[in-house]
Amino acid sequence: QVQLVESGGGLVQAGGSLRLSCAASGRTFSSYAMGWFRQTPGKEREFVAAISRSGTMTNYADSVKGRFTVSRDNAKNTAYLQMNGPKPEDTAAYYCAAKEPLYVSRTYSKPDEYTYWGQGTQVTVSS
């Protein structure tokens, strides 16, 4: 089992930058593929980015491609979401998630594929 804690959210101006962190504790962090999702009130949780166990493969939603970067540091048991050039429509609660995958180089983009979730961190982008 793994526990996930997000941090780094807050208020940011459009066009600025923000880095979210997801600290993991419990089982070996490198055993998990990681994902970032976001959600606004009344809407379903939306895929943002994912990274494989090995860190060699990443995947992004079209809406954030070229602006956001997902990464991980297995030595620090932490995953990151670097948000560059955020837009007001990126305003949401952001969640990290973990899954024990069968393959080290696969990423996952559906919420129900993940087993463990953090509590979320709010990101508000002002125009």
Foldseek 3Di string as FASTA:
>chain_A
DKAWAKDFADEAAAQAKTKMKIAIDDDQLLQKKKFKWWDDPPDDIFGAKTAFSVRPDMDGDPVQPPAWDWGDDSVRRMIMIMGGRDDQVVWTWMKMFIARDPDRGDIDGDPVRTDYIYPTDTHGYHD
